[in-house]
């Protein structure tokens, strides 16, 4: 794993966005990563988005790392896993 990218265990459920959001530190600067409930459940199954996220955390963090390295942030500076 790239040591310049660090994922603290501080994921939250965002009711308005219907997504699990989780912070990432990239060279000391904080970004926000997110995956929508629909995408999460479609990809991994299950019914509870937070539980599914926690069960698949390592894969999702690796995917988010790839998106960050490819500079795939949106206009708000968020990285959305699709």
N, C-alpha and C. Protein backbone atom coordinates (compact mmCIF):
# COMPACT_ATOMS: atom_id res chain seq x y z
N UNK A 1 0.84 -1.18 0.00
CA UNK A 1 0.00 0.00 0.00
C UNK A 1 0.88 1.25 0.00
N UNK A 2 0.47 2.24 -0.71
CA UNK A 2 1.20 3.50 -0.78
C UNK A 2 1.11 4.19 0.58
N UNK A 3 2.26 4.43 1.19
CA UNK A 3 2.27 5.04 2.52
C UNK A 3 1.77 6.48 2.53
N UNK A 4 1.71 7.12 1.35
CA UNK A 4 1.23 8.49 1.28
C UNK A 4 -0.29 8.56 1.32
N UNK A 5 -0.96 7.41 1.22
CA UNK A 5 -2.42 7.34 1.27
C UNK A 5 -2.80 6.52 2.49
N UNK A 6 -3.55 7.14 3.40
CA UNK A 6 -3.90 6.49 4.66
C UNK A 6 -5.41 6.64 4.91
N UNK A 7 -6.06 5.52 5.27
CA UNK A 7 -7.49 5.52 5.53
C UNK A 7 -7.75 5.31 7.02
N UNK A 8 -8.12 6.38 7.75
CA UNK A 8 -8.50 6.18 9.15
C UNK A 8 -9.85 5.45 9.22
N UNK A 9 -10.09 4.74 10.29
CA UNK A 9 -11.35 4.01 10.46
C UNK A 9 -12.43 4.95 10.98
N UNK A 10 -12.91 5.86 10.12
CA UNK A 10 -13.92 6.83 10.55
C UNK A 10 -15.03 6.96 9.51
N UNK A 11 -15.48 5.84 8.99
CA UNK A 11 -16.56 5.88 8.01
C UNK A 11 -17.88 6.30 8.68
N UNK A 12 -18.72 6.95 7.89
CA UNK A 12 -20.03 7.38 8.39
C UNK A 12 -21.07 7.08 7.32
N UNK A 13 -22.31 7.00 7.76
CA UNK A 13 -23.44 6.88 6.86
C UNK A 13 -24.00 8.28 6.63
N UNK A 14 -24.08 8.71 5.37
CA UNK A 14 -24.63 10.02 5.03
C UNK A 14 -26.04 9.80 4.48
N UNK A 15 -27.02 10.12 5.30
CA UNK A 15 -28.42 9.88 4.94
C UNK A 15 -28.82 10.67 3.69
N UNK A 16 -28.38 11.91 3.61
CA UNK A 16 -28.74 12.76 2.46
C UNK A 16 -28.19 12.20 1.15
N UNK A 17 -26.95 11.73 1.17
CA UNK A 17 -26.33 11.19 -0.04
C UNK A 17 -26.62 9.72 -0.25
N UNK A 18 -27.19 9.07 0.79
CA UNK A 18 -27.45 7.62 0.76
C UNK A 18 -26.15 6.89 0.39
N UNK A 19 -25.09 7.22 1.13
CA UNK A 19 -23.77 6.67 0.84
C UNK A 19 -22.96 6.51 2.11
N UNK A 20 -22.03 5.57 2.05
CA UNK A 20 -21.02 5.45 3.09
C UNK A 20 -19.88 6.36 2.67
N UNK A 21 -19.51 7.26 3.56
CA UNK A 21 -18.43 8.22 3.30
C UNK A 21 -17.28 7.91 4.26
N UNK A 22 -16.06 8.01 3.73
CA UNK A 22 -14.90 7.72 4.58
C UNK A 22 -13.74 8.62 4.19
N UNK A 23 -13.03 9.12 5.20
CA UNK A 23 -11.92 10.03 4.94
C UNK A 23 -10.68 9.29 4.48
N UNK A 24 -9.84 10.03 3.78
CA UNK A 24 -8.54 9.51 3.37
C UNK A 24 -7.54 10.66 3.48
N UNK A 25 -6.36 10.35 3.97
CA UNK A 25 -5.28 11.33 4.02
C UNK A 25 -4.32 11.04 2.88
N UNK A 26 -4.12 12.02 2.03
CA UNK A 26 -3.23 11.89 0.88
C UNK A 26 -2.12 12.92 1.05
N UNK A 27 -0.91 12.45 1.36
CA UNK A 27 0.22 13.34 1.64
C UNK A 27 -0.16 14.38 2.68
N UNK A 28 -0.93 13.95 3.69
CA UNK A 28 -1.31 14.82 4.79
C UNK A 28 -2.56 15.66 4.56
N UNK A 29 -3.10 15.66 3.34
CA UNK A 29 -4.32 16.42 3.06
C UNK A 29 -5.52 15.47 3.07
N UNK A 30 -6.63 15.93 3.66
CA UNK A 30 -7.80 15.07 3.76
C UNK A 30 -8.71 15.22 2.55
N UNK A 31 -9.12 14.07 2.01
CA UNK A 31 -10.14 13.98 0.98
C UNK A 31 -11.26 13.12 1.54
N UNK A 32 -12.38 13.11 0.85
CA UNK A 32 -13.48 12.24 1.24
C UNK A 32 -13.77 11.27 0.10
N UNK A 33 -13.87 10.00 0.46
CA UNK A 33 -14.27 8.96 -0.48
C UNK A 33 -15.69 8.54 -0.12
N UNK A 34 -16.41 8.04 -1.11
CA UNK A 34 -17.77 7.60 -0.86
C UNK A 34 -18.18 6.51 -1.84
N UNK A 35 -19.13 5.71 -1.40
CA UNK A 35 -19.76 4.72 -2.26
C UNK A 35 -21.24 4.71 -1.91
N UNK A 36 -22.08 4.80 -2.92
CA UNK A 36 -23.52 4.85 -2.66
C UNK A 36 -24.01 3.49 -2.17
N UNK A 37 -25.10 3.53 -1.43
CA UNK A 37 -25.70 2.31 -0.91
C UNK A 37 -26.06 1.38 -2.06
N UNK A 38 -26.65 1.93 -3.13
CA UNK A 38 -27.06 1.10 -4.27
C UNK A 38 -25.88 0.37 -4.88
N UNK A 39 -24.79 1.10 -5.12
CA UNK A 39 -23.59 0.48 -5.72
C UNK A 39 -23.01 -0.57 -4.78
N UNK A 40 -22.91 -0.23 -3.51
CA UNK A 40 -22.34 -1.13 -2.51
C UNK A 40 -23.11 -2.44 -2.44
N UNK A 41 -24.44 -2.36 -2.33
CA UNK A 41 -25.25 -3.57 -2.21
C UNK A 41 -25.31 -4.35 -3.51
N UNK A 42 -25.29 -3.64 -4.63
CA UNK A 42 -25.29 -4.32 -5.93
C UNK A 42 -24.01 -5.12 -6.12
N UNK A 43 -22.90 -4.55 -5.72
CA UNK A 43 -21.61 -5.22 -5.92
C UNK A 43 -21.36 -6.35 -4.94
N UNK A 44 -21.76 -6.17 -3.67
CA UNK A 44 -21.38 -7.12 -2.63
C UNK A 44 -22.54 -7.87 -2.00
N UNK A 45 -23.78 -7.48 -2.32
CA UNK A 45 -24.93 -8.12 -1.69
C UNK A 45 -25.15 -7.58 -0.29
N UNK A 46 -26.06 -8.19 0.42
CA UNK A 46 -26.36 -7.76 1.78
C UNK A 46 -27.49 -6.75 1.82
N UNK A 47 -27.76 -6.25 3.02
CA UNK A 47 -28.87 -5.31 3.21
C UNK A 47 -28.47 -4.06 3.99
N UNK A 48 -27.43 -4.14 4.80
CA UNK A 48 -27.00 -3.02 5.63
C UNK A 48 -25.70 -2.45 5.08
N UNK A 49 -25.78 -1.24 4.53
CA UNK A 49 -24.64 -0.65 3.83
C UNK A 49 -23.39 -0.56 4.70
N UNK A 50 -23.53 -0.14 5.94
CA UNK A 50 -22.35 0.00 6.80
C UNK A 50 -21.69 -1.36 7.07
N UNK A 51 -22.50 -2.38 7.30
CA UNK A 51 -21.95 -3.72 7.54
C UNK A 51 -21.22 -4.24 6.30
N UNK A 52 -21.84 -4.04 5.14
CA UNK A 52 -21.24 -4.49 3.88
C UNK A 52 -19.93 -3.74 3.64
N UNK A 53 -19.93 -2.43 3.91
CA UNK A 53 -18.71 -1.65 3.75
C UNK A 53 -17.60 -2.21 4.64
N UNK A 54 -17.90 -2.43 5.90
CA UNK A 54 -16.88 -2.93 6.85
C UNK A 54 -16.34 -4.30 6.43
N UNK A 55 -17.21 -5.15 5.90
CA UNK A 55 -16.79 -6.48 5.46
C UNK A 55 -15.87 -6.41 4.24
N UNK A 56 -15.99 -5.35 3.45
CA UNK A 56 -15.24 -5.23 2.20
C UNK A 56 -14.29 -4.03 2.20
N UNK A 57 -14.01 -3.54 3.38
CA UNK A 57 -13.19 -2.33 3.54
C UNK A 57 -11.89 -2.39 2.75
N UNK A 58 -11.12 -3.47 2.86
CA UNK A 58 -9.79 -3.52 2.24
C UNK A 58 -9.89 -3.38 0.72
N UNK A 59 -10.84 -4.08 0.12
CA UNK A 59 -11.02 -3.99 -1.33
C UNK A 59 -11.43 -2.58 -1.74
N UNK A 60 -12.34 -1.97 -0.99
CA UNK A 60 -12.81 -0.63 -1.32
C UNK A 60 -11.71 0.42 -1.12
N UNK A 61 -10.92 0.27 -0.08
CA UNK A 61 -9.81 1.21 0.12
C UNK A 61 -8.78 1.08 -1.00
N UNK A 62 -8.53 -0.13 -1.45
CA UNK A 62 -7.59 -0.34 -2.56
C UNK A 62 -8.13 0.30 -3.84
N UNK A 63 -9.41 0.13 -4.09
CA UNK A 63 -10.03 0.75 -5.26
C UNK A 63 -9.99 2.28 -5.16
N UNK A 64 -10.27 2.81 -3.97
CA UNK A 64 -10.21 4.25 -3.76
C UNK A 64 -8.78 4.76 -3.97
N UNK A 65 -7.79 4.00 -3.51
CA UNK A 65 -6.39 4.39 -3.73
C UNK A 65 -6.08 4.51 -5.21
N UNK A 66 -6.56 3.56 -6.00
CA UNK A 66 -6.34 3.61 -7.45
C UNK A 66 -6.99 4.85 -8.06
N UNK A 67 -8.21 5.17 -7.62
CA UNK A 67 -8.90 6.35 -8.13
C UNK A 67 -8.16 7.63 -7.75
N UNK A 68 -7.64 7.67 -6.54
CA UNK A 68 -6.88 8.84 -6.07
C UNK A 68 -5.61 9.00 -6.91
N UNK A 69 -4.90 7.91 -7.13
CA UNK A 69 -3.68 7.98 -7.95
C UNK A 69 -3.99 8.44 -9.37
N UNK A 70 -5.19 8.08 -9.87
CA UNK A 70 -5.62 8.50 -11.21
C UNK A 70 -6.29 9.87 -11.21
N UNK A 71 -6.31 10.53 -10.04
CA UNK A 71 -6.88 11.87 -9.88
C UNK A 71 -8.34 11.93 -10.34
N UNK A 72 -9.15 11.02 -9.81
CA UNK A 72 -10.55 10.91 -10.20
C UNK A 72 -11.50 11.62 -9.22
N UNK A 73 -11.05 12.72 -8.62
CA UNK A 73 -11.92 13.48 -7.71
C UNK A 73 -12.98 14.22 -8.53
N UNK A 74 -14.17 14.39 -7.93
CA UNK A 74 -15.21 15.17 -8.61
C UNK A 74 -14.99 16.67 -8.35
N UNK A 75 -15.93 17.50 -8.78
CA UNK A 75 -15.80 18.95 -8.64
C UNK A 75 -15.72 19.40 -7.18
N UNK A 76 -16.25 18.58 -6.27
CA UNK A 76 -16.23 18.89 -4.84
C UNK A 76 -14.99 18.34 -4.14
N UNK A 77 -14.15 17.64 -4.89
CA UNK A 77 -12.95 17.03 -4.30
C UNK A 77 -13.22 15.67 -3.67
N UNK A 78 -14.38 15.08 -3.98
CA UNK A 78 -14.72 13.76 -3.46
C UNK A 78 -14.32 12.70 -4.46
N UNK A 79 -14.01 11.50 -3.93
CA UNK A 79 -13.70 10.35 -4.76
C UNK A 79 -14.86 9.36 -4.58
N UNK A 80 -15.60 9.14 -5.67
CA UNK A 80 -16.75 8.23 -5.63
C UNK A 80 -16.39 6.91 -6.27
N UNK A 81 -16.61 5.83 -5.52
CA UNK A 81 -16.40 4.48 -6.05
C UNK A 81 -17.69 4.08 -6.76
N UNK A 82 -17.52 3.61 -8.00
CA UNK A 82 -18.71 3.19 -8.76
C UNK A 82 -18.67 1.72 -9.10
